[in-house]
Amino acid sequence: MSSEGPEKNRIDWIYIMVVLIFAVPLLLFVGIIFFLDSFLGSSDAVMGVSGFVQEVIWRTIVVVLAFAAVIFFIQVIRKPVTLTKGKAGCVGILLTKAGCAVGILACLALSFILLRTLVLDIPYLSHPKTDYLYRLGFDMGSTDDGEETFSMEGVGMDGENHILSMTSDLYEEGEKLWQENSDLRAKAVYLPHTEVLFSLEYITDLDEQADKLYPALPSLPDDWRSFSIQINNAVYSLPVSLSDFFSNGWYIKEGQDVPRKLQGTDSPYASYDSANVTLTNDREQNLFVTVYNAAKEAVPLTDGTVGTLSATYENYDFSGTDLILPGGIRLGWSRPADVIDIYGQPDPGEDDEEYRYTLSGHSGSYEIFRFNDSGYLTGIMICTPRSPMRPSDYEA
């Protein structure tokens, strides 16, 4: 009887060890899956470092599955083709192998893209990128297990589209403000490649940091009386040759009834022959200009001089960095107070929706700023002084 006791105990321990060997890893696996499912689906963990960890986890899972698929595809490709399967069977096998080869390339490309964005964002963990967003939109969805997700879409000052996941509190705050003002803006701090949001502030005005992040070109003067404007990283000081716009990628928009030539001025101080022209570029931006000829002889329209220029924000042609006026005034972002702070009080009699600044002693030389109902600059017009020709220019 005493000999059976130790033997029985030993057998019991074997059963216990077998159970532990299989049960413990299984329980750990189930626990990890449950944790990942709740963590990845949690809207409270989508921001900051925890949001980046979420990106690491789900991207790693996808990459592991992609490499498992690559191994499977390789095994299929390595399987020899036998002639006993007939011509049709051989063709089918070859097509399968070709499909597997494409699958391998797709899996490797997907893995590279997912891992590359993670690696590129690692340096930004200590100093995320800051941007200012407009044209905001809010969206609420749900995961397979019913967990709600919240996100905001917007366009940065550089014209890039962003979709940022956020917490429920930020979503509710933004949704409420957006219902009151559809022209709501936001200041976002995020990782530029994975677009993990670190912080978000709903704003109505740009702060000083915006000028530091998106400065105007040094060649852009500060005085509006220079009649200068920065468009797509090029500065123009009106009046300016139309050819200067052509050299920077602008061209005359098709479908316009414009003259091929501009007639010369046959007497001193006579009115110039001019034409209204719409310029466009490959980004489908539009500029509305008046081209005139101040010379005595007729010239082709393309050799004319741009004396008046206007642009609008209504069709979102320009982002915050695309069109800047002296003093850092930005189309689509600046407000009446910004213009007054830099240029002073506008001409008397103007309303809150349009400010006019006229050059002293030159009633035909001015700048106009138009604002929308939300108080953002949505249109500008520059009309420059035109130097009359000298009588000596007409002497035989």
Protein backbone atom coordinates (compact mmCIF):
# COMPACT_ATOMS: atom_id res chain seq x y z
CA MET A 1 0.00 0.00 0.00
CA SER A 2 2.84 2.31 0.80
CA SER A 3 4.42 1.54 -2.58
CA GLU A 4 1.30 2.57 -4.47
CA GLY A 5 1.11 6.02 -2.83
CA PRO A 6 4.26 7.57 -4.32
CA GLU A 7 3.49 6.02 -7.71
CA LYS A 8 -0.02 7.49 -7.67
CA ASN A 9 1.26 10.89 -6.60
CA ARG A 10 3.79 10.84 -9.42
CA ILE A 11 1.07 10.10 -11.95
CA ASP A 12 -1.05 12.93 -10.56
CA TRP A 13 1.85 15.35 -10.97
CA ILE A 14 2.28 14.24 -14.58
CA TYR A 15 -1.35 15.09 -15.26
CA ILE A 16 -0.94 18.43 -13.55
CA MET A 17 2.20 19.26 -15.58
CA VAL A 18 0.47 18.31 -18.82
CA VAL A 19 -2.45 20.56 -17.95
CA LEU A 20 -0.13 23.43 -17.03
CA ILE A 21 1.94 23.03 -20.21
CA PHE A 22 -1.13 23.38 -22.42
CA ALA A 23 -3.52 25.40 -20.29
CA VAL A 24 -1.22 28.21 -19.16
CA PRO A 25 -0.10 29.27 -22.68
CA LEU A 26 -3.70 28.99 -23.86
CA LEU A 27 -4.93 31.20 -21.02
CA LEU A 28 -2.12 33.69 -21.67
CA PHE A 29 -2.98 33.73 -25.37
CA VAL A 30 -6.67 34.33 -24.64
CA GLY A 31 -5.77 37.03 -22.14
CA ILE A 32 -3.46 38.77 -24.60
CA ILE A 33 -6.10 38.65 -27.33
CA PHE A 34 -8.70 40.06 -24.94
CA PHE A 35 -6.32 42.83 -23.86
CA LEU A 36 -5.37 43.74 -27.40
CA ASP A 37 -8.99 43.75 -28.49
CA SER A 38 -10.03 46.06 -25.67
CA PHE A 39 -6.90 48.21 -25.99
CA LEU A 40 -7.02 48.59 -29.74
CA GLY A 41 -10.72 49.41 -29.62
CA SER A 42 -10.50 51.88 -26.76
CA SER A 43 -11.20 55.47 -27.84
CA ASP A 44 -9.48 56.72 -24.69
CA ALA A 45 -6.14 55.25 -25.78
CA VAL A 46 -5.99 56.55 -29.37
CA MET A 47 -3.97 59.66 -28.53
CA GLY A 48 -0.40 60.28 -27.43
CA VAL A 49 2.08 57.51 -26.70
CA SER A 50 -0.70 54.96 -26.11
CA GLY A 51 -2.07 55.80 -29.55
CA PHE A 52 1.34 55.16 -31.07
CA VAL A 53 1.52 51.83 -29.18
CA GLN A 54 -1.83 50.92 -30.74
CA GLU A 55 -0.35 51.65 -34.16
CA VAL A 56 2.68 49.47 -33.36
CA ILE A 57 0.48 46.57 -32.23
CA TRP A 58 -1.96 46.40 -35.10
CA ARG A 59 0.69 47.08 -37.73
CA THR A 60 2.91 44.35 -36.24
CA ILE A 61 0.00 41.89 -36.33
CA VAL A 62 -0.66 42.72 -39.98
CA VAL A 63 3.04 42.36 -40.83
CA VAL A 64 3.24 38.97 -39.09
CA LEU A 65 0.18 37.76 -41.01
CA ALA A 66 1.69 39.14 -44.22
CA PHE A 67 4.92 37.20 -43.67
CA ALA A 68 2.92 34.05 -42.88
CA ALA A 69 1.18 34.54 -46.22
CA VAL A 70 4.56 35.03 -47.90
CA ILE A 71 5.79 31.70 -46.48
CA PHE A 72 2.64 29.98 -47.72
CA PHE A 73 2.99 31.52 -51.19
CA ILE A 74 6.63 30.41 -51.34
CA GLN A 75 5.65 26.84 -50.55
CA VAL A 76 3.08 26.90 -53.33
CA ILE A 77 5.61 28.27 -55.81
CA ARG A 78 8.17 25.64 -54.86
CA LYS A 79 5.75 22.83 -55.61
CA PRO A 80 6.90 21.24 -58.88
CA VAL A 81 4.76 21.18 -61.99
CA THR A 82 4.09 17.65 -63.25
CA LEU A 83 3.07 16.90 -66.81
CA THR A 84 0.71 14.18 -65.61
CA LYS A 85 -1.86 16.83 -64.79
CA GLY A 86 -2.33 17.66 -68.44
CA LYS A 87 -1.98 20.93 -70.31
CA ALA A 88 -4.95 22.62 -68.63
CA GLY A 89 -3.73 21.53 -65.21
CA CYS A 90 -0.24 22.84 -65.86
CA VAL A 91 -1.62 26.21 -67.02
CA GLY A 92 -3.70 26.44 -63.86
CA ILE A 93 -0.69 25.65 -61.68
CA LEU A 94 1.43 28.26 -63.47
CA LEU A 95 -1.29 30.87 -63.04
CA THR A 96 -1.49 29.98 -59.35
CA LYS A 97 2.25 30.40 -59.01
CA ALA A 98 2.09 33.76 -60.78
CA GLY A 99 -0.69 34.86 -58.44
CA CYS A 100 1.40 33.77 -55.45
CA ALA A 101 4.34 35.80 -56.76
CA VAL A 102 2.10 38.86 -56.99
CA GLY A 103 0.83 38.10 -53.48
CA ILE A 104 4.40 37.98 -52.16
CA LEU A 105 5.20 41.37 -53.67
CA ALA A 106 1.98 42.86 -52.30
CA CYS A 107 2.63 41.50 -48.79
CA LEU A 108 6.21 42.77 -48.79
CA ALA A 109 5.12 46.20 -50.05
CA LEU A 110 2.39 46.42 -47.42
CA SER A 111 4.82 45.40 -44.67
CA PHE A 112 7.35 47.98 -45.83
CA ILE A 113 4.78 50.79 -45.84
CA LEU A 114 3.38 49.90 -42.41
CA LEU A 115 6.78 49.59 -40.76
CA ARG A 116 8.29 52.58 -42.55
CA THR A 117 5.71 55.01 -41.15
CA LEU A 118 6.35 53.71 -37.64
CA VAL A 119 10.11 54.16 -37.96
CA LEU A 120 9.74 57.65 -39.45
CA ASP A 121 7.55 58.75 -36.55
CA ILE A 122 9.90 57.58 -33.78
CA PRO A 123 11.94 60.85 -33.80
CA TYR A 124 8.69 62.84 -33.54
CA LEU A 125 7.63 61.17 -30.28
CA SER A 126 9.61 63.78 -28.33
CA HIS A 127 8.55 66.72 -30.53
CA PRO A 128 5.35 66.05 -32.53
CA LYS A 129 4.38 68.20 -35.49
CA THR A 130 2.02 71.16 -35.08
CA ASP A 131 -0.43 72.19 -37.77
CA TYR A 132 -3.54 74.33 -38.15
CA LEU A 133 -6.60 72.70 -39.71
CA TYR A 134 -9.67 74.08 -41.43
CA ARG A 135 -12.62 72.58 -43.37
CA LEU A 136 -13.22 70.32 -40.40
CA GLY A 137 -15.53 67.33 -40.38
CA PHE A 138 -16.38 64.94 -37.54
CA ASP A 139 -17.21 61.25 -37.80
CA MET A 140 -18.31 58.64 -35.29
CA GLY A 141 -18.14 54.92 -36.09
CA SER A 142 -17.96 51.59 -34.32
CA THR A 143 -15.74 48.51 -34.30
CA ASP A 144 -16.89 44.90 -34.77
CA ASP A 145 -17.43 44.49 -31.04
CA GLY A 146 -19.53 47.67 -30.80
CA GLU A 147 -16.84 49.97 -29.41
CA GLU A 148 -17.37 53.55 -30.66
CA THR A 149 -14.61 55.36 -32.53
CA PHE A 150 -14.24 59.09 -33.05
CA SER A 151 -12.26 61.00 -35.66
CA MET A 152 -11.87 64.44 -37.23
CA GLU A 153 -10.95 65.24 -40.81
CA GLY A 154 -9.38 68.52 -41.83
CA VAL A 155 -7.04 70.30 -44.23
CA GLY A 156 -3.75 71.69 -42.97
CA MET A 157 -2.26 75.05 -43.84
CA ASP A 158 -0.02 73.23 -46.29
CA GLY A 159 -3.08 71.89 -48.13
CA GLU A 160 -2.66 68.27 -46.95
CA ASN A 161 -5.68 66.24 -45.81
CA HIS A 162 -5.59 64.71 -42.32
CA ILE A 163 -7.80 62.16 -40.54
CA LEU A 164 -7.09 62.13 -36.80
CA SER A 165 -8.57 59.74 -34.24
CA MET A 166 -9.59 61.36 -30.96
CA THR A 167 -11.22 60.77 -27.62
CA SER A 168 -14.96 61.04 -27.11
CA ASP A 169 -14.56 64.26 -25.08
CA LEU A 170 -12.70 66.07 -27.87
CA TYR A 171 -15.20 64.76 -30.40
CA GLU A 172 -18.20 65.99 -28.44
CA GLU A 173 -16.59 69.39 -27.87
CA GLY A 174 -15.70 69.79 -31.54
CA GLU A 175 -19.06 68.56 -32.78
CA LYS A 176 -20.86 71.10 -30.60
CA LEU A 177 -18.63 73.98 -31.69
CA TRP A 178 -18.89 72.94 -35.34
CA GLN A 179 -22.69 72.98 -35.16
CA GLU A 180 -22.45 76.59 -33.99
CA ASN A 181 -19.74 77.56 -36.51
CA SER A 182 -19.13 75.39 -39.57
CA ASP A 183 -15.97 77.42 -40.27
CA LEU A 184 -14.35 76.09 -37.09
CA ARG A 185 -10.55 75.78 -37.00
CA ALA A 186 -8.23 73.61 -34.90
CA LYS A 187 -4.62 73.49 -33.79
CA ALA A 188 -3.38 69.89 -33.83
CA VAL A 189 -0.21 68.35 -32.42
CA TYR A 190 0.35 64.94 -34.01
CA LEU A 191 2.78 62.45 -35.50
CA PRO A 192 3.08 63.31 -39.22
CA HIS A 193 3.27 59.77 -40.64
CA THR A 194 0.92 57.66 -38.51
CA GLU A 195 -1.21 60.76 -37.74
CA VAL A 196 -1.52 59.86 -34.07
CA LEU A 197 -2.99 62.87 -32.31
CA PHE A 198 -1.20 64.17 -29.20
CA SER A 199 -3.30 67.26 -28.46
CA LEU A 200 -6.05 69.30 -30.09
CA GLU A 201 -7.29 72.83 -29.49
CA TYR A 202 -10.25 74.41 -31.26
CA ILE A 203 -9.39 77.97 -32.31
CA THR A 204 -10.70 80.98 -34.23
CA ASP A 205 -7.42 82.85 -34.78
CA LEU A 206 -3.86 81.94 -35.65
CA ASP A 207 -1.23 82.41 -32.96
CA GLU A 208 2.38 83.55 -33.20
CA GLN A 209 3.57 79.97 -33.63
CA ALA A 210 1.86 79.81 -37.03
CA ASP A 211 4.13 82.56 -38.42
CA LYS A 212 7.17 80.68 -37.11
CA LEU A 213 6.06 77.37 -38.60
CA TYR A 214 4.92 78.84 -41.92
CA PRO A 215 6.89 82.07 -42.46
CA ALA A 216 6.56 84.28 -45.50
CA LEU A 217 9.48 84.53 -47.89
CA PRO A 218 12.12 87.11 -46.88
CA SER A 219 11.61 88.85 -50.24
CA LEU A 220 7.98 89.70 -49.37
CA PRO A 221 7.86 93.31 -48.10
CA ASP A 222 5.92 94.29 -44.99
CA ASP A 223 4.29 97.40 -46.50
CA TRP A 224 1.06 96.91 -48.46
CA ARG A 225 1.99 99.93 -50.59
CA SER A 226 4.60 97.74 -52.27
CA PHE A 227 1.65 96.02 -54.00
CA SER A 228 3.46 92.72 -53.47
CA ILE A 229 2.03 89.26 -52.99
CA GLN A 230 3.47 85.81 -52.35
CA ILE A 231 1.83 83.03 -54.36
CA ASN A 232 3.15 79.47 -54.16
CA ASN A 233 6.63 80.45 -52.97
CA ALA A 234 7.07 83.21 -55.56
CA VAL A 235 6.79 86.95 -54.85
CA TYR A 236 5.24 89.33 -57.40
CA SER A 237 5.32 93.12 -57.10
CA LEU A 238 2.66 94.65 -59.33
CA PRO A 239 2.74 95.95 -61.98
CA VAL A 240 4.62 92.93 -63.25
CA SER A 241 5.11 91.24 -66.60
CA LEU A 242 2.65 88.47 -67.40
CA SER A 243 5.63 86.37 -68.44
CA ASP A 244 6.71 86.20 -64.77
CA PHE A 245 3.58 84.18 -64.04
CA PHE A 246 4.19 81.94 -67.04
CA SER A 247 7.69 81.13 -65.82
CA ASN A 248 6.21 79.95 -62.50
CA GLY A 249 3.75 77.48 -64.03
CA TRP A 250 0.73 79.69 -64.65
CA TYR A 251 -1.02 79.75 -68.01
CA ILE A 252 -4.13 81.29 -69.57
CA LYS A 253 -7.18 79.21 -68.77
CA GLU A 254 -8.90 77.69 -71.80
CA GLY A 255 -12.29 78.80 -73.00
CA GLN A 256 -11.77 82.55 -72.56
CA ASP A 257 -12.55 85.17 -75.17
CA VAL A 258 -9.34 87.19 -74.90
CA PRO A 259 -7.58 89.22 -77.60
CA ARG A 260 -4.38 87.93 -79.14
CA LYS A 261 -2.91 91.44 -79.14
CA LEU A 262 -3.16 94.58 -77.05
CA GLN A 263 -3.15 97.81 -79.03
CA GLY A 264 -0.65 100.55 -78.25
CA THR A 265 -1.41 103.93 -76.67
CA ASP A 266 -1.36 106.61 -79.36
CA SER A 267 -1.23 109.69 -77.11
CA PRO A 268 0.23 110.63 -73.72
CA TYR A 269 -1.89 109.77 -70.70
CA ALA A 270 -4.43 107.92 -72.80
CA SER A 271 -6.14 104.88 -71.35
CA TYR A 272 -4.30 101.64 -71.84
CA ASP A 273 -5.68 98.79 -73.89
CA SER A 274 -6.35 95.95 -71.46
CA ALA A 275 -7.94 92.52 -71.14
CA ASN A 276 -9.33 90.55 -68.22
CA VAL A 277 -7.70 87.14 -68.06
CA THR A 278 -8.02 84.11 -65.79
CA LEU A 279 -4.76 82.33 -65.05
CA THR A 280 -4.61 78.76 -63.78
CA ASN A 281 -2.00 76.13 -62.99
CA ASP A 282 -1.65 72.38 -62.60
CA ARG A 283 -3.07 72.62 -59.07
CA GLU A 284 -6.28 74.09 -60.53
CA GLN A 285 -5.77 77.36 -58.69
CA ASN A 286 -7.18 80.47 -60.34
CA LEU A 287 -5.99 84.07 -60.46
CA PHE A 288 -8.02 86.85 -62.08
CA VAL A 289 -5.79 89.50 -63.62
CA THR A 290 -6.07 92.56 -65.82
CA VAL A 291 -3.34 92.67 -68.46
CA TYR A 292 -2.60 95.99 -70.14
CA ASN A 293 -0.20 97.45 -72.67
CA ALA A 294 1.56 100.68 -71.71
CA ALA A 295 3.71 100.77 -74.84
CA LYS A 296 3.14 102.84 -77.96
CA GLU A 297 3.13 99.81 -80.24
CA ALA A 298 0.77 96.86 -80.14
CA VAL A 299 2.09 93.78 -78.31
CA PRO A 300 0.90 90.18 -77.98
CA LEU A 301 -1.27 89.60 -74.94
CA THR A 302 1.41 87.32 -73.50
CA ASP A 303 3.82 90.29 -73.45
CA GLY A 304 1.43 92.49 -71.51
CA THR A 305 1.72 93.78 -67.95
CA VAL A 306 -0.40 92.61 -65.02
CA GLY A 307 -1.72 95.70 -63.27
CA THR A 308 -4.63 94.23 -61.31
CA LEU A 309 -4.84 90.88 -59.55
CA SER A 310 -7.54 89.23 -57.48
CA ALA A 311 -7.98 85.82 -55.87
CA THR A 312 -10.72 84.18 -53.87
CA TYR A 313 -10.90 81.47 -51.24
CA GLU A 314 -14.46 80.41 -51.99
CA ASN A 315 -13.44 77.28 -53.92
CA TYR A 316 -10.54 76.51 -51.56
CA ASP A 317 -8.05 77.22 -54.33
CA PHE A 318 -5.41 78.36 -51.86
CA SER A 319 -4.31 77.02 -48.50
CA GLY A 320 -2.77 79.10 -45.72
CA THR A 321 0.76 78.89 -47.17
CA ASP A 322 -0.20 79.42 -50.83
CA LEU A 323 -1.12 83.09 -50.78
CA ILE A 324 0.40 85.57 -48.32
CA LEU A 325 0.26 89.36 -48.37
CA PRO A 326 2.71 91.83 -46.77
CA GLY A 327 2.80 91.54 -43.01
CA GLY A 328 1.82 87.86 -43.02
CA ILE A 329 -1.83 88.33 -44.02
CA ARG A 330 -3.08 84.93 -45.25
CA LEU A 331 -5.99 84.22 -47.55
CA GLY A 332 -8.49 81.97 -45.79
CA TRP A 333 -7.07 82.55 -42.31
CA SER A 334 -6.53 86.22 -41.44
CA ARG A 335 -9.29 88.24 -39.82
CA PRO A 336 -10.24 91.96 -39.88
CA ALA A 337 -8.33 92.66 -36.66
CA ASP A 338 -5.18 91.16 -38.21
CA VAL A 339 -5.43 93.47 -41.22
CA ILE A 340 -6.01 96.56 -39.06
CA ASP A 341 -3.12 95.68 -36.74
CA ILE A 342 -0.73 95.60 -39.68
CA TYR A 343 -2.17 98.09 -42.20
CA GLY A 344 -4.05 100.48 -39.95
CA GLN A 345 -7.64 101.66 -40.34
CA PRO A 346 -9.17 101.14 -43.81
CA ASP A 347 -10.74 103.87 -45.92
CA PRO A 348 -13.80 105.49 -44.31
CA GLY A 349 -17.19 104.12 -45.24
CA GLU A 350 -16.13 100.49 -45.61
CA ASP A 351 -18.15 97.78 -43.85
CA ASP A 352 -17.02 94.73 -41.89
CA GLU A 353 -17.11 92.53 -44.99
CA GLU A 354 -14.78 94.65 -47.15
CA TYR A 355 -11.76 96.78 -46.29
CA ARG A 356 -10.18 99.11 -48.85
CA TYR A 357 -6.76 100.75 -48.57
CA THR A 358 -6.11 103.46 -51.16
CA LEU A 359 -2.67 104.80 -51.99
CA SER A 360 -2.51 108.45 -51.01
CA GLY A 361 -2.88 110.68 -54.07
CA HIS A 362 -3.68 107.75 -56.38
CA SER A 363 -7.38 106.91 -56.26
CA GLY A 364 -6.90 104.14 -58.82
CA SER A 365 -4.27 102.35 -56.74
CA TYR A 366 -5.62 100.31 -53.85
CA GLU A 367 -6.00 96.94 -52.16
CA ILE A 368 -9.30 95.36 -51.17
CA PHE A 369 -9.81 92.69 -48.50
CA ARG A 370 -13.11 90.77 -48.40
CA PHE A 371 -14.27 88.68 -45.43
CA ASN A 372 -16.95 86.01 -45.09
CA ASP A 373 -19.69 85.85 -42.47
CA SER A 374 -17.32 84.06 -40.08
CA GLY A 375 -14.80 86.90 -40.36
CA TYR A 376 -12.09 85.14 -42.40
CA LEU A 377 -10.31 86.70 -45.37
CA THR A 378 -11.84 85.10 -48.48
CA GLY A 379 -10.93 87.53 -51.24
CA ILE A 380 -8.20 90.00 -52.14
CA MET A 381 -7.74 92.48 -54.96
CA ILE A 382 -4.65 94.50 -55.82
CA CYS A 383 -4.92 97.43 -58.22
CA THR A 384 -1.57 99.09 -58.88
CA PRO A 385 -0.54 102.56 -59.98
CA ARG A 386 -0.01 102.90 -63.70
CA SER A 387 2.80 105.26 -64.68
CA PRO A 388 1.63 107.35 -67.67
CA MET A 389 3.88 107.51 -70.68
CA ARG A 390 5.99 110.58 -71.34
CA PRO A 391 5.21 112.87 -74.31
CA SER A 392 8.73 112.19 -75.61
CA ASP A 393 7.72 108.58 -76.16
CA TYR A 394 5.46 109.75 -78.96
CA GLU A 395 7.99 111.94 -80.78
CA ALA A 396 8.89 110.80 -84.23
